[in-house]
Amino acid sequence: MKMGKHVRKPMLLILVAAMSLGAMACRYDPEKRWEHAKEWVSDELELNAEQQVILDELLAQIQASKQKMKSEREGAHDFLIAQINSEQLDEAKVLTAFEAHQQQMNEAVASVLPTLTRLHSTLTPEQKATLVEFIEKHGKRGFHGGRDW
């Protein structure tokens, strides 16, 4: 399905915001991080009941995708160590592993995109403006507080 520029950019902004909200507030344990993100979005955007249900569904999907990728990452870690310990790095196997990881990322985004689209369609112009303001303010720092590594 091909999306126009006017649809793709807002959806990507919301996706980035949703994922960054899940990663923000690093001082909390993972469960509290998700709860903090959900409360922030609800409070800042003043979500109505319908929007809250969709947000809950979206965050649950993101958490499930993140957990699946975490479990798969453990196997990738072992694979990488085995490759480093080998006499010669097998480029084809490493490339295949990275392609598989990219495919997992693509599937994760594709799985949350319909819910994200539903949430986006319910947001008012004011809510969208608040979200864009947040992304612009915090996006300059990136996911790692501005560290370039």
Protein backbone atom coordinates (compact mmCIF):
# COMPACT_ATOMS: atom_id res chain seq x y z
CA MET A 1 0.00 0.00 0.00
CA LYS A 2 1.47 3.33 -1.05
CA MET A 3 0.96 6.38 1.13
CA GLY A 4 1.20 10.00 0.07
CA LYS A 5 3.57 12.47 1.70
CA HIS A 6 0.76 14.15 3.60
CA VAL A 7 -0.13 10.87 5.32
CA ARG A 8 3.31 9.30 5.72
CA LYS A 9 5.01 12.15 7.60
CA PRO A 10 2.42 12.51 10.41
CA MET A 11 2.25 8.74 10.82
CA LEU A 12 6.02 8.50 11.07
CA LEU A 13 6.07 11.34 13.59
CA ILE A 14 3.50 9.57 15.75
CA LEU A 15 5.38 6.28 15.44
CA VAL A 16 8.63 7.95 16.49
CA ALA A 17 6.85 9.64 19.40
CA ALA A 18 5.19 6.42 20.54
CA MET A 19 8.43 4.48 20.42
CA SER A 20 10.44 7.26 22.04
CA LEU A 21 7.86 7.55 24.79
CA GLY A 22 8.44 3.90 25.50
CA ALA A 23 12.16 4.56 25.77
CA MET A 24 11.99 7.81 27.72
CA ALA A 25 12.17 8.08 31.48
CA CYS A 26 15.12 5.71 31.73
CA ARG A 27 15.28 6.22 35.48
CA TYR A 28 12.30 3.87 35.92
CA ASP A 29 12.12 0.13 35.60
CA PRO A 30 10.62 -1.09 32.31
CA GLU A 31 7.05 -1.47 33.62
CA LYS A 32 7.11 2.01 35.15
CA ARG A 33 8.60 3.42 31.92
CA TRP A 34 5.61 2.21 29.92
CA GLU A 35 3.17 3.44 32.56
CA HIS A 36 4.91 6.83 32.69
CA ALA A 37 4.79 7.13 28.89
CA LYS A 38 1.11 6.21 28.80
CA GLU A 39 0.27 8.73 31.51
CA TRP A 40 2.29 11.45 29.81
CA VAL A 41 0.55 10.94 26.47
CA SER A 42 -2.87 10.79 28.12
CA ASP A 43 -2.27 13.93 30.17
CA GLU A 44 -0.45 16.04 27.59
CA LEU A 45 -2.79 15.21 24.73
CA GLU A 46 -5.89 15.09 26.95
CA LEU A 47 -7.06 11.87 25.34
CA ASN A 48 -10.71 10.91 25.40
CA ALA A 49 -11.87 7.38 26.29
CA GLU A 50 -11.75 6.09 22.70
CA GLN A 51 -8.25 7.47 22.17
CA GLN A 52 -7.10 5.98 25.48
CA VAL A 53 -8.29 2.51 24.45
CA ILE A 54 -6.42 2.78 21.15
CA LEU A 55 -3.28 4.06 22.91
CA ASP A 56 -3.42 1.13 25.36
CA GLU A 57 -3.70 -1.26 22.41
CA LEU A 58 -0.81 0.46 20.60
CA LEU A 59 1.50 0.34 23.62
CA ALA A 60 0.63 -3.32 24.23
CA GLN A 61 1.55 -4.11 20.62
CA ILE A 62 4.82 -2.17 20.90
CA GLN A 63 5.69 -3.97 24.14
CA ALA A 64 4.95 -7.37 22.56
CA SER A 65 7.11 -6.56 19.54
CA LYS A 66 9.89 -5.30 21.77
CA GLN A 67 9.76 -8.46 23.90
CA LYS A 68 9.85 -10.69 20.82
CA MET A 69 12.83 -8.82 19.42
CA LYS A 70 14.59 -8.99 22.80
CA SER A 71 14.31 -12.77 22.90
CA GLU A 72 15.55 -13.04 19.31
CA ARG A 73 18.42 -10.64 20.07
CA GLU A 74 19.84 -13.10 22.62
CA GLY A 75 20.34 -15.66 19.85
CA ALA A 76 21.91 -13.01 17.64
CA HIS A 77 24.31 -12.14 20.45
CA ASP A 78 25.48 -15.75 20.71
CA PHE A 79 25.82 -15.91 16.91
CA LEU A 80 27.97 -12.77 16.88
CA ILE A 81 30.26 -14.09 19.60
CA ALA A 82 30.66 -17.37 17.71
CA GLN A 83 31.56 -15.46 14.54
CA ILE A 84 34.12 -13.33 16.34
CA ASN A 85 35.68 -16.41 17.93
CA SER A 86 35.93 -18.22 14.59
CA GLU A 87 39.08 -18.29 12.47
CA GLN A 88 37.38 -16.35 9.70
CA LEU A 89 34.25 -14.22 9.71
CA ASP A 90 31.54 -15.71 7.47
CA GLU A 91 30.30 -12.60 5.68
CA ALA A 92 27.34 -14.37 4.11
CA LYS A 93 26.07 -15.62 7.49
CA VAL A 94 26.55 -12.20 9.10
CA LEU A 95 24.74 -10.49 6.24
CA THR A 96 21.91 -13.01 6.47
CA ALA A 97 21.63 -12.38 10.22
CA PHE A 98 21.44 -8.62 9.70
CA GLU A 99 18.85 -9.04 6.94
CA ALA A 100 16.77 -11.21 9.27
CA HIS A 101 17.00 -8.53 11.96
CA GLN A 102 15.90 -5.86 9.46
CA GLN A 103 12.97 -8.06 8.46
CA GLN A 104 11.96 -8.36 12.14
CA MET A 105 12.07 -4.57 12.44
CA ASN A 106 9.92 -4.19 9.32
CA GLU A 107 7.39 -6.69 10.66
CA ALA A 108 7.29 -4.92 14.04
CA VAL A 109 6.51 -1.58 12.40
CA ALA A 110 3.95 -3.16 10.06
CA SER A 111 2.19 -4.82 12.99
CA VAL A 112 1.66 -1.56 14.92
CA LEU A 113 0.98 0.68 11.93
CA PRO A 114 -2.78 -0.05 11.62
CA THR A 115 -3.33 0.78 15.31
CA LEU A 116 -1.14 3.86 14.99
CA THR A 117 -3.20 4.95 11.98
CA ARG A 118 -6.42 4.50 13.99
CA LEU A 119 -5.02 6.61 16.83
CA HIS A 120 -3.82 9.29 14.41
CA SER A 121 -7.25 9.50 12.79
CA THR A 122 -8.84 10.29 16.18
CA LEU A 123 -6.41 13.07 17.17
CA THR A 124 -7.58 16.67 16.98
CA PRO A 125 -5.41 19.32 15.31
CA GLU A 126 -4.48 20.60 18.78
CA GLN A 127 -3.38 17.14 19.91
CA LYS A 128 -1.30 16.71 16.76
CA ALA A 129 0.31 20.11 17.33
CA THR A 130 1.22 19.14 20.91
CA LEU A 131 2.73 15.90 19.68
CA VAL A 132 4.72 17.63 16.95
CA GLU A 133 5.99 20.15 19.49
CA PHE A 134 7.19 17.30 21.70
CA ILE A 135 8.93 15.55 18.80
CA GLU A 136 10.63 18.74 17.67
CA LYS A 137 11.76 19.58 21.19
CA HIS A 138 13.08 16.13 22.07
CA GLY A 139 13.96 14.84 18.61
CA LYS A 140 17.13 16.93 18.48
CA ARG A 141 18.56 14.90 21.37
CA GLY A 142 17.72 11.58 19.77
CA PHE A 143 17.11 8.36 21.65
CA HIS A 144 20.42 8.53 23.51
CA GLY A 145 20.28 12.05 24.91
CA GLY A 146 22.23 13.56 22.03
CA ARG A 147 25.10 11.08 22.18
CA ASP A 148 26.32 10.27 18.71
CA TRP A 149 27.23 6.60 19.06
